Amino acid sequence: MSFTEKEFLQAKHRLEEAQARNRVKERSARTHRLLQEGAILEKAIPQVRQMSLKQLEGYLCSLIK
């Protein structure tokens, strides 16, 4: 394997690692956002705490229609 091929492989691996780190950051940001939105929903409509997910979905859909 030549020096140029090694450099290319190293650059490719660095890029893949950077992309993996970005995916982790994006997933973490999404999780954080979903938790915050859920907390806001519970604060605004306290009765959603006793609803199943299916009931909550139906309730929210009925509000939109």
PDB file of N, CA and C in Angstrom:
ATOM      1  N   MET A   1       0.856  -1.173   0.000  1.00  0.00           N
ATOM      2  CA  MET A   1       0.000   0.000   0.000  1.00  0.00           C
ATOM      3  C   MET A   1       0.900   1.233   0.000  1.00  0.00           C
ATOM      4  N   SER A   2       0.626   2.116  -0.914  1.00  0.00           N
ATOM      5  CA  SER A   2       1.462   3.301  -1.035  1.00  0.00           C
ATOM      6  C   SER A   2       1.068   4.351   0.000  1.00  0.00           C
ATOM      7  N   PHE A   3       1.919   5.339   0.122  1.00  0.00           N
ATOM      8  CA  PHE A   3       1.693   6.423   1.078  1.00  0.00           C
ATOM      9  C   PHE A   3       0.395   7.163   0.758  1.00  0.00           C
ATOM     10  N   THR A   4       0.138   7.390  -0.516  1.00  0.00           N
ATOM     11  CA  THR A   4      -1.070   8.106  -0.922  1.00  0.00           C
ATOM     12  C   THR A   4      -2.323   7.308  -0.587  1.00  0.00           C
ATOM     13  N   GLU A   5      -2.272   6.002  -0.761  1.00  0.00           N
ATOM     14  CA  GLU A   5      -3.418   5.155  -0.426  1.00  0.00           C
ATOM     15  C   GLU A   5      -3.691   5.188   1.076  1.00  0.00           C
ATOM     16  N   LYS A   6      -2.631   5.174   1.879  1.00  0.00           N
ATOM     17  CA  LYS A   6      -2.795   5.251   3.334  1.00  0.00           C
ATOM     18  C   LYS A   6      -3.422   6.583   3.733  1.00  0.00           C
ATOM     19  N   GLU A   7      -2.935   7.665   3.114  1.00  0.00           N
ATOM     20  CA  GLU A   7      -3.503   8.986   3.410  1.00  0.00           C
ATOM     21  C   GLU A   7      -4.982   9.032   3.048  1.00  0.00           C
ATOM     22  N   PHE A   8      -5.315   8.448   1.901  1.00  0.00           N
ATOM     23  CA  PHE A   8      -6.708   8.427   1.468  1.00  0.00           C
ATOM     24  C   PHE A   8      -7.570   7.650   2.467  1.00  0.00           C
ATOM     25  N   LEU A   9      -7.107   6.493   2.896  1.00  0.00           N
ATOM     26  CA  LEU A   9      -7.863   5.683   3.862  1.00  0.00           C
ATOM     27  C   LEU A   9      -8.019   6.413   5.193  1.00  0.00           C
ATOM     28  N   GLN A  10      -6.956   7.083   5.636  1.00  0.00           N
ATOM     29  CA  GLN A  10      -7.034   7.833   6.882  1.00  0.00           C
ATOM     30  C   GLN A  10      -8.060   8.965   6.770  1.00  0.00           C
ATOM     31  N   ALA A  11      -8.040   9.666   5.659  1.00  0.00           N
ATOM     32  CA  ALA A  11      -8.990  10.761   5.454  1.00  0.00           C
ATOM     33  C   ALA A  11     -10.420  10.217   5.411  1.00  0.00           C
ATOM     34  N   LYS A  12     -10.589   9.080   4.752  1.00  0.00           N
ATOM     35  CA  LYS A  12     -11.917   8.458   4.665  1.00  0.00           C
ATOM     36  C   LYS A  12     -12.412   8.077   6.053  1.00  0.00           C
ATOM     37  N   HIS A  13     -11.552   7.494   6.880  1.00  0.00           N
ATOM     38  CA  HIS A  13     -11.936   7.092   8.237  1.00  0.00           C
ATOM     39  C   HIS A  13     -12.235   8.304   9.121  1.00  0.00           C
ATOM     40  N   ARG A  14     -11.447   9.359   8.957  1.00  0.00           N
ATOM     41  CA  ARG A  14     -11.710  10.584   9.723  1.00  0.00           C
ATOM     42  C   ARG A  14     -13.076  11.164   9.359  1.00  0.00           C
ATOM     43  N   LEU A  15     -13.393  11.138   8.066  1.00  0.00           N
ATOM     44  CA  LEU A  15     -14.686  11.628   7.613  1.00  0.00           C
ATOM     45  C   LEU A  15     -15.821  10.775   8.190  1.00  0.00           C
ATOM     46  N   GLU A  16     -15.662   9.455   8.158  1.00  0.00           N
ATOM     47  CA  GLU A  16     -16.686   8.553   8.694  1.00  0.00           C
ATOM     48  C   GLU A  16     -16.876   8.776  10.194  1.00  0.00           C
ATOM     49  N   GLU A  17     -15.785   8.988  10.918  1.00  0.00           N
ATOM     50  CA  GLU A  17     -15.880   9.249  12.353  1.00  0.00           C
ATOM     51  C   GLU A  17     -16.585  10.578  12.622  1.00  0.00           C
ATOM     52  N   ALA A  18     -16.282  11.587  11.824  1.00  0.00           N
ATOM     53  CA  ALA A  18     -16.931  12.890  11.991  1.00  0.00           C
ATOM     54  C   ALA A  18     -18.431  12.773  11.712  1.00  0.00           C
ATOM     55  N   GLN A  19     -18.781  12.010  10.687  1.00  0.00           N
ATOM     56  CA  GLN A  19     -20.196  11.818  10.364  1.00  0.00           C
ATOM     57  C   GLN A  19     -20.905  11.071  11.497  1.00  0.00           C
ATOM     58  N   ALA A  20     -20.244  10.079  12.076  1.00  0.00           N
ATOM     59  CA  ALA A  20     -20.835   9.328  13.192  1.00  0.00           C
ATOM     60  C   ALA A  20     -21.047  10.247  14.397  1.00  0.00           C
ATOM     61  N   ARG A  21     -20.075  11.113  14.684  1.00  0.00           N
ATOM     62  CA  ARG A  21     -20.229  12.068  15.795  1.00  0.00           C
ATOM     63  C   ARG A  21     -21.396  13.011  15.536  1.00  0.00           C
ATOM     64  N   ASN A  22     -21.551  13.448  14.292  1.00  0.00           N
ATOM     65  CA  ASN A  22     -22.667  14.339  13.952  1.00  0.00           C
ATOM     66  C   ASN A  22     -24.006  13.639  14.139  1.00  0.00           C
ATOM     67  N   ARG A  23     -24.085  12.360  13.766  1.00  0.00           N
ATOM     68  CA  ARG A  23     -25.338  11.616  13.953  1.00  0.00           C
ATOM     69  C   ARG A  23     -25.683  11.504  15.431  1.00  0.00           C
ATOM     70  N   VAL A  24     -24.679  11.275  16.264  1.00  0.00           N
ATOM     71  CA  VAL A  24     -24.910  11.181  17.714  1.00  0.00           C
ATOM     72  C   VAL A  24     -25.400  12.523  18.248  1.00  0.00           C
ATOM     73  N   LYS A  25     -24.778  13.614  17.818  1.00  0.00           N
ATOM     74  CA  LYS A  25     -25.206  14.948  18.262  1.00  0.00           C
ATOM     75  C   LYS A  25     -26.632  15.246  17.822  1.00  0.00           C
ATOM     76  N   GLU A  26     -26.962  14.906  16.575  1.00  0.00           N
ATOM     77  CA  GLU A  26     -28.312  15.150  16.071  1.00  0.00           C
ATOM     78  C   GLU A  26     -29.341  14.332  16.841  1.00  0.00           C
ATOM     79  N   ARG A  27     -29.020  13.069  17.134  1.00  0.00           N
ATOM     80  CA  ARG A  27     -29.937  12.208  17.876  1.00  0.00           C
ATOM     81  C   ARG A  27     -30.138  12.740  19.291  1.00  0.00           C
ATOM     82  N   SER A  28     -29.053  13.195  19.902  1.00  0.00           N
ATOM     83  CA  SER A  28     -29.133  13.751  21.251  1.00  0.00           C
ATOM     84  C   SER A  28     -29.980  15.027  21.263  1.00  0.00           C
ATOM     85  N   ALA A  29     -29.794  15.879  20.272  1.00  0.00           N
ATOM     86  CA  ALA A  29     -30.575  17.117  20.190  1.00  0.00           C
ATOM     87  C   ALA A  29     -32.054  16.807  19.981  1.00  0.00           C
ATOM     88  N   ARG A  30     -32.353  15.797  19.155  1.00  0.00           N
ATOM     89  CA  ARG A  30     -33.750  15.410  18.916  1.00  0.00           C
ATOM     90  C   ARG A  30     -34.382  14.884  20.207  1.00  0.00           C
ATOM     91  N   THR A  31     -33.660  14.028  20.910  1.00  0.00           N
ATOM     92  CA  THR A  31     -34.171  13.481  22.169  1.00  0.00           C
ATOM     93  C   THR A  31     -34.455  14.604  23.161  1.00  0.00           C
ATOM     94  N   HIS A  32     -33.533  15.536  23.271  1.00  0.00           N
ATOM     95  CA  HIS A  32     -33.700  16.669  24.182  1.00  0.00           C
ATOM     96  C   HIS A  32     -34.934  17.488  23.800  1.00  0.00           C
ATOM     97  N   ARG A  33     -35.088  17.758  22.500  1.00  0.00           N
ATOM     98  CA  ARG A  33     -36.234  18.529  22.025  1.00  0.00           C
ATOM     99  C   ARG A  33     -37.544  17.799  22.325  1.00  0.00           C
ATOM    100  N   LEU A  34     -37.583  16.489  22.096  1.00  0.00           N
ATOM    101  CA  LEU A  34     -38.802  15.720  22.342  1.00  0.00           C
ATOM    102  C   LEU A  34     -39.169  15.730  23.826  1.00  0.00           C
ATOM    103  N   LEU A  35     -38.177  15.639  24.687  1.00  0.00           N
ATOM    104  CA  LEU A  35     -38.440  15.693  26.123  1.00  0.00           C
ATOM    105  C   LEU A  35     -39.001  17.050  26.524  1.00  0.00           C
ATOM    106  N   GLN A  36     -38.433  18.102  25.985  1.00  0.00           N
ATOM    107  CA  GLN A  36     -38.918  19.442  26.297  1.00  0.00           C
ATOM    108  C   GLN A  36     -40.347  19.635  25.794  1.00  0.00           C
ATOM    109  N   GLU A  37     -40.621  19.163  24.574  1.00  0.00           N
ATOM    110  CA  GLU A  37     -41.967  19.309  24.023  1.00  0.00           C
ATOM    111  C   GLU A  37     -42.978  18.517  24.842  1.00  0.00           C
ATOM    112  N   GLY A  38     -42.596  17.319  25.282  1.00  0.00           N
ATOM    113  CA  GLY A  38     -43.486  16.518  26.120  1.00  0.00           C
ATOM    114  C   GLY A  38     -43.774  17.201  27.446  1.00  0.00           C
ATOM    115  N   ALA A  39     -42.769  17.814  28.025  1.00  0.00           N
ATOM    116  CA  ALA A  39     -42.951  18.528  29.291  1.00  0.00           C
ATOM    117  C   ALA A  39     -43.892  19.720  29.104  1.00  0.00           C
ATOM    118  N   ILE A  40     -43.738  20.425  27.998  1.00  0.00           N
ATOM    119  CA  ILE A  40     -44.623  21.560  27.717  1.00  0.00           C
ATOM    120  C   ILE A  40     -46.055  21.073  27.526  1.00  0.00           C
ATOM    121  N   LEU A  41     -46.218  19.964  26.809  1.00  0.00           N
ATOM    122  CA  LEU A  41     -47.558  19.403  26.592  1.00  0.00           C
ATOM    123  C   LEU A  41     -48.208  19.021  27.910  1.00  0.00           C
ATOM    124  N   GLU A  42     -47.455  18.350  28.788  1.00  0.00           N
ATOM    125  CA  GLU A  42     -48.000  17.968  30.093  1.00  0.00           C
ATOM    126  C   GLU A  42     -48.341  19.187  30.949  1.00  0.00           C
ATOM    127  N   LYS A  43     -47.549  20.224  30.833  1.00  0.00           N
ATOM    128  CA  LYS A  43     -47.810  21.424  31.611  1.00  0.00           C
ATOM    129  C   LYS A  43     -49.064  22.133  31.102  1.00  0.00           C
ATOM    130  N   ALA A  44     -49.230  22.180  29.786  1.00  0.00           N
ATOM    131  CA  ALA A  44     -50.373  22.875  29.191  1.00  0.00           C
ATOM    132  C   ALA A  44     -51.663  22.079  29.336  1.00  0.00           C
ATOM    133  N   ILE A  45     -51.562  20.741  29.230  1.00  0.00           N
ATOM    134  CA  ILE A  45     -52.750  19.882  29.292  1.00  0.00           C
ATOM    135  C   ILE A  45     -52.451  18.747  30.273  1.00  0.00           C
ATOM    136  N   PRO A  46     -52.625  18.978  31.573  1.00  0.00           N
ATOM    137  CA  PRO A  46     -52.239  17.989  32.587  1.00  0.00           C
ATOM    138  C   PRO A  46     -52.904  16.619  32.428  1.00  0.00           C
ATOM    139  N   GLN A  47     -54.117  16.561  31.865  1.00  0.00           N
ATOM    140  CA  GLN A  47     -54.805  15.278  31.759  1.00  0.00           C
ATOM    141  C   GLN A  47     -54.121  14.306  30.793  1.00  0.00           C
ATOM    142  N   VAL A  48     -53.174  14.771  29.990  1.00  0.00           N
ATOM    143  CA  VAL A  48     -52.502  13.850  29.063  1.00  0.00           C
ATOM    144  C   VAL A  48     -51.643  12.832  29.815  1.00  0.00           C
ATOM    145  N   ARG A  49     -51.327  13.109  31.053  1.00  0.00           N
ATOM    146  CA  ARG A  49     -50.512  12.170  31.841  1.00  0.00           C
ATOM    147  C   ARG A  49     -51.223  10.832  32.034  1.00  0.00           C
ATOM    148  N   GLN A  50     -52.548  10.864  32.082  1.00  0.00           N
ATOM    149  CA  GLN A  50     -53.310   9.637  32.292  1.00  0.00           C
ATOM    150  C   GLN A  50     -53.715   8.964  30.980  1.00  0.00           C
ATOM    151  N   MET A  51     -53.421   9.565  29.851  1.00  0.00           N
ATOM    152  CA  MET A  51     -53.819   9.015  28.551  1.00  0.00           C
ATOM    153  C   MET A  51     -52.780   8.023  28.040  1.00  0.00           C
ATOM    154  N   SER A  52     -53.269   7.034  27.304  1.00  0.00           N
ATOM    155  CA  SER A  52     -52.342   6.151  26.596  1.00  0.00           C
ATOM    156  C   SER A  52     -51.847   6.910  25.358  1.00  0.00           C
ATOM    157  N   LEU A  53     -50.843   6.401  24.726  1.00  0.00           N
ATOM    158  CA  LEU A  53     -50.321   7.070  23.535  1.00  0.00           C
ATOM    159  C   LEU A  53     -51.381   7.141  22.435  1.00  0.00           C
ATOM    160  N   LYS A  54     -52.160   6.089  22.304  1.00  0.00           N
ATOM    161  CA  LYS A  54     -53.217   6.056  21.292  1.00  0.00           C
ATOM    162  C   LYS A  54     -54.274   7.128  21.602  1.00  0.00           C
ATOM    163  N   GLN A  55     -54.652   7.226  22.871  1.00  0.00           N
ATOM    164  CA  GLN A  55     -55.636   8.242  23.272  1.00  0.00           C
ATOM    165  C   GLN A  55     -55.081   9.652  23.037  1.00  0.00           C
ATOM    166  N   LEU A  56     -53.818   9.837  23.377  1.00  0.00           N
ATOM    167  CA  LEU A  56     -53.187  11.142  23.183  1.00  0.00           C
ATOM    168  C   LEU A  56     -53.164  11.511  21.707  1.00  0.00           C
ATOM    169  N   GLU A  57     -52.805  10.559  20.881  1.00  0.00           N
ATOM    170  CA  GLU A  57     -52.781  10.818  19.442  1.00  0.00           C
ATOM    171  C   GLU A  57     -54.175  11.211  18.942  1.00  0.00           C
ATOM    172  N   GLY A  58     -55.191  10.471  19.355  1.00  0.00           N
ATOM    173  CA  GLY A  58     -56.559  10.795  18.956  1.00  0.00           C
ATOM    174  C   GLY A  58     -56.983  12.163  19.447  1.00  0.00           C
ATOM    175  N   TYR A  59     -56.639  12.466  20.684  1.00  0.00           N
ATOM    176  CA  TYR A  59     -56.984  13.768  21.265  1.00  0.00           C
ATOM    177  C   TYR A  59     -56.346  14.912  20.477  1.00  0.00           C
ATOM    178  N   LEU A  60     -55.055  14.779  20.192  1.00  0.00           N
ATOM    179  CA  LEU A  60     -54.353  15.833  19.469  1.00  0.00           C
ATOM    180  C   LEU A  60     -54.868  15.958  18.041  1.00  0.00           C
ATOM    181  N   CYS A  61     -55.159  14.842  17.405  1.00  0.00           N
ATOM    182  CA  CYS A  61     -55.715  14.890  16.057  1.00  0.00           C
ATOM    183  C   CYS A  61     -57.080  15.563  16.035  1.00  0.00           C
ATOM    184  N   SER A  62     -57.896  15.313  17.080  1.00  0.00           N
ATOM    185  CA  SER A  62     -59.210  15.936  17.153  1.00  0.00           C
ATOM    186  C   SER A  62     -59.096  17.452  17.344  1.00  0.00           C
ATOM    187  N   LEU A  63     -58.048  17.898  18.009  1.00  0.00           N
ATOM    188  CA  LEU A  63     -57.839  19.332  18.185  1.00  0.00           C
ATOM    189  C   LEU A  63     -57.476  20.012  16.875  1.00  0.00           C
ATOM    190  N   ILE A  64     -56.766  19.294  16.051  1.00  0.00           N
ATOM    191  CA  ILE A  64     -56.286  19.870  14.782  1.00  0.00           C
ATOM    192  C   ILE A  64     -57.410  19.969  13.768  1.00  0.00           C
ATOM    193  N   LYS A  65     -58.331  19.018  13.781  1.00  0.00           N
ATOM    194  CA  LYS A  65     -59.412  19.000  12.776  1.00  0.00           C
ATOM    195  C   LYS A  65     -60.445  20.052  13.018  1.00  0.00           C
TER     196      LYS A  65
END
